[in-house]
Amino acid sequence: MGITHTTAATGTDSGDGKISKNAWNEEHVATLIASLTVVIDGGGVAIIPGIKGNLRVPFACTIVRASLLADQSGSIVVDIWQNTYANYPPTDTNSITASAPPTISTATKAEDTTLTGWDVTLDEGSILRYNVDSCTSIQRVTVELKVSHLG
């Protein structure tokens, strides 16, 4: 499991492709874009359903996209549960994905930017738990949550 992040900001382009530091105004707010990434590995065989790992959220943020990338064509459903550190561990009743968990259906990838019914708000320090509900053929899958945070 790992976390990667990049930052994006806007300013005024002086025509030479460079953003002028002097052009930033008081209303400017930088948006931190990050990926909360977990790799689930079946160790050379199809992934067995069940709890596969936990990730502590490093800062308060909003989920804007969920992506799955598999090592081979197959099907998988990964539910994501969230709870506070004090209430660890999260359980199925703490699912943030409603009836639309990240799902690959007879393919190698899937992406969801609609996130229908999801609780997309993640609190700093909360715990995400990844649970594979079902899997066919896929031996390794990367689960990426793209998140944003205004700072």
Protein backbone atom coordinates (compact mmCIF):
# COMPACT_ATOMS: atom_id res chain seq x y z
CA MET A 1 0.00 0.00 0.00
CA GLY A 2 1.25 3.46 -0.72
CA ILE A 3 0.28 7.06 -1.00
CA THR A 4 1.34 9.39 -3.77
CA HIS A 5 0.47 13.01 -4.25
CA THR A 6 0.97 16.00 -6.48
CA THR A 7 -0.06 19.59 -6.06
CA ALA A 8 -1.70 21.85 -8.59
CA ALA A 9 -2.02 25.62 -8.43
CA THR A 10 -2.94 28.45 -10.74
CA GLY A 11 -1.48 31.90 -11.27
CA THR A 12 -0.93 34.37 -14.09
CA ASP A 13 1.11 33.38 -17.14
CA SER A 14 3.29 36.30 -18.22
CA GLY A 15 3.37 34.98 -21.80
CA ASP A 16 6.61 33.04 -21.50
CA GLY A 17 4.97 29.96 -19.99
CA LYS A 18 6.07 30.83 -16.46
CA ILE A 19 3.65 31.65 -13.70
CA SER A 20 4.54 34.89 -12.02
CA LYS A 21 4.80 34.58 -8.25
CA ASN A 22 3.77 38.24 -7.95
CA ALA A 23 0.54 37.49 -9.80
CA TRP A 24 -0.88 35.35 -6.99
CA ASN A 25 -3.69 37.13 -5.19
CA GLU A 26 -5.18 36.73 -1.73
CA GLU A 27 -8.13 34.78 -3.09
CA HIS A 28 -5.89 32.10 -4.63
CA VAL A 29 -6.34 28.68 -3.06
CA ALA A 30 -4.09 25.78 -4.04
CA THR A 31 -5.74 22.39 -4.54
CA LEU A 32 -3.83 19.36 -3.34
CA ILE A 33 -4.50 16.35 -5.56
CA ALA A 34 -3.47 13.00 -4.15
CA SER A 35 -3.93 9.31 -4.81
CA LEU A 36 -4.61 6.93 -1.95
CA THR A 37 -3.40 3.68 -3.46
CA VAL A 38 -3.61 0.08 -2.26
CA VAL A 39 -2.34 -3.01 -4.10
CA ILE A 40 -4.12 -6.27 -3.34
CA ASP A 41 -2.05 -9.31 -4.33
CA GLY A 42 -3.27 -12.91 -4.38
CA GLY A 43 0.28 -14.30 -4.42
CA GLY A 44 0.03 -15.95 -7.84
CA VAL A 45 -3.56 -17.16 -7.56
CA ALA A 46 -6.94 -15.45 -7.86
CA ILE A 47 -7.57 -13.09 -4.95
CA ILE A 48 -9.62 -14.70 -2.18
CA PRO A 49 -12.51 -12.58 -0.84
CA GLY A 50 -12.07 -10.94 2.56
CA ILE A 51 -10.32 -8.06 4.31
CA LYS A 52 -7.11 -7.15 2.48
CA GLY A 53 -5.67 -4.12 4.25
CA ASN A 54 -6.05 -0.78 6.00
CA LEU A 55 -4.90 2.73 5.18
CA ARG A 56 -4.88 5.78 7.45
CA VAL A 57 -6.06 8.95 5.68
CA PRO A 58 -3.27 11.58 5.97
CA PHE A 59 -5.48 14.69 5.58
CA ALA A 60 -9.16 15.61 5.25
CA CYS A 61 -10.19 15.27 1.61
CA THR A 62 -12.91 14.47 -0.90
CA ILE A 63 -12.87 11.43 -3.21
CA VAL A 64 -13.28 12.47 -6.85
CA ARG A 65 -12.50 9.18 -8.65
CA ALA A 66 -12.10 5.49 -7.92
CA SER A 67 -10.01 3.33 -10.27
CA LEU A 68 -9.15 -0.36 -10.43
CA LEU A 69 -6.29 -1.78 -12.51
CA ALA A 70 -5.92 -5.58 -12.71
CA ASP A 71 -3.07 -7.81 -13.84
CA GLN A 72 -5.36 -9.77 -16.16
CA SER A 73 -8.93 -9.92 -17.39
CA GLY A 74 -11.42 -10.99 -14.76
CA SER A 75 -13.96 -9.66 -12.32
CA ILE A 76 -13.59 -8.17 -8.83
CA VAL A 77 -15.65 -6.14 -6.37
CA VAL A 78 -13.79 -4.19 -3.67
CA ASP A 79 -15.76 -2.53 -0.87
CA ILE A 80 -14.18 0.28 1.16
CA TRP A 81 -15.07 0.89 4.80
CA GLN A 82 -14.21 4.02 6.82
CA ASN A 83 -14.22 4.70 10.54
CA THR A 84 -12.35 6.85 13.04
CA TYR A 85 -9.09 5.73 14.58
CA ALA A 86 -10.88 5.60 17.96
CA ASN A 87 -13.49 3.19 16.53
CA TYR A 88 -10.96 0.99 14.66
CA PRO A 89 -11.53 -1.39 12.96
CA PRO A 90 -14.08 -0.34 10.33
CA THR A 91 -16.73 -2.96 9.49
CA ASP A 92 -19.13 -3.61 6.63
CA THR A 93 -21.66 -1.27 8.28
CA ASN A 94 -19.11 1.54 7.70
CA SER A 95 -19.04 1.11 3.89
CA ILE A 96 -18.53 4.38 1.99
CA THR A 97 -19.44 2.91 -1.41
CA ALA A 98 -23.20 2.38 -0.93
CA SER A 99 -24.46 0.02 -3.65
CA ALA A 100 -21.70 1.03 -6.09
CA PRO A 101 -18.37 -0.44 -4.86
CA PRO A 102 -15.39 -0.33 -7.24
CA THR A 103 -15.98 -3.17 -9.70
CA ILE A 104 -14.25 -4.73 -12.70
CA SER A 105 -16.51 -6.96 -14.82
CA THR A 106 -14.71 -9.25 -17.26
CA ALA A 107 -12.03 -6.66 -18.01
CA THR A 108 -8.67 -5.37 -16.77
CA LYS A 109 -9.69 -1.91 -15.56
CA ALA A 110 -12.57 0.20 -14.31
CA GLU A 111 -13.05 3.83 -13.30
CA ASP A 112 -15.87 5.66 -11.55
CA THR A 113 -16.10 9.46 -11.38
CA THR A 114 -19.81 9.56 -10.55
CA LEU A 115 -19.51 7.74 -7.19
CA THR A 116 -23.29 7.43 -6.88
CA GLY A 117 -24.34 7.15 -3.24
CA TRP A 118 -20.77 7.24 -1.94
CA ASP A 119 -19.78 9.06 1.22
CA VAL A 120 -16.93 10.91 -0.50
CA THR A 121 -15.73 12.88 2.55
CA LEU A 122 -12.67 11.41 4.27
CA ASP A 123 -11.61 12.74 7.67
CA GLU A 124 -7.96 13.22 8.59
CA GLY A 125 -6.71 10.24 10.56
CA SER A 126 -9.66 8.01 9.71
CA ILE A 127 -9.01 4.43 8.66
CA LEU A 128 -9.99 2.95 5.30
CA ARG A 129 -10.38 -0.84 5.22
CA TYR A 130 -10.40 -2.66 1.88
CA ASN A 131 -12.57 -5.77 1.58
CA VAL A 132 -12.78 -7.94 -1.53
CA ASP A 133 -16.41 -9.04 -1.87
CA SER A 134 -15.79 -11.33 -4.86
CA CYS A 135 -13.11 -12.12 -7.42
CA THR A 136 -12.67 -14.27 -10.51
CA SER A 137 -9.27 -14.76 -12.23
CA ILE A 138 -7.61 -11.50 -11.08
CA GLN A 139 -4.41 -12.15 -9.13
CA ARG A 140 -3.40 -8.55 -8.41
CA VAL A 141 -5.38 -5.32 -8.46
CA THR A 142 -4.46 -1.71 -7.73
CA VAL A 143 -7.20 0.31 -6.04
CA GLU A 144 -6.71 4.07 -6.42
CA LEU A 145 -8.82 6.79 -4.84
CA LYS A 146 -8.07 10.18 -6.37
CA VAL A 147 -8.78 12.80 -3.72
CA SER A 148 -8.71 16.57 -3.52
CA HIS A 149 -8.20 18.95 -0.64
CA LEU A 150 -8.42 22.72 -0.66
CA GLY A 151 -5.60 24.18 1.35
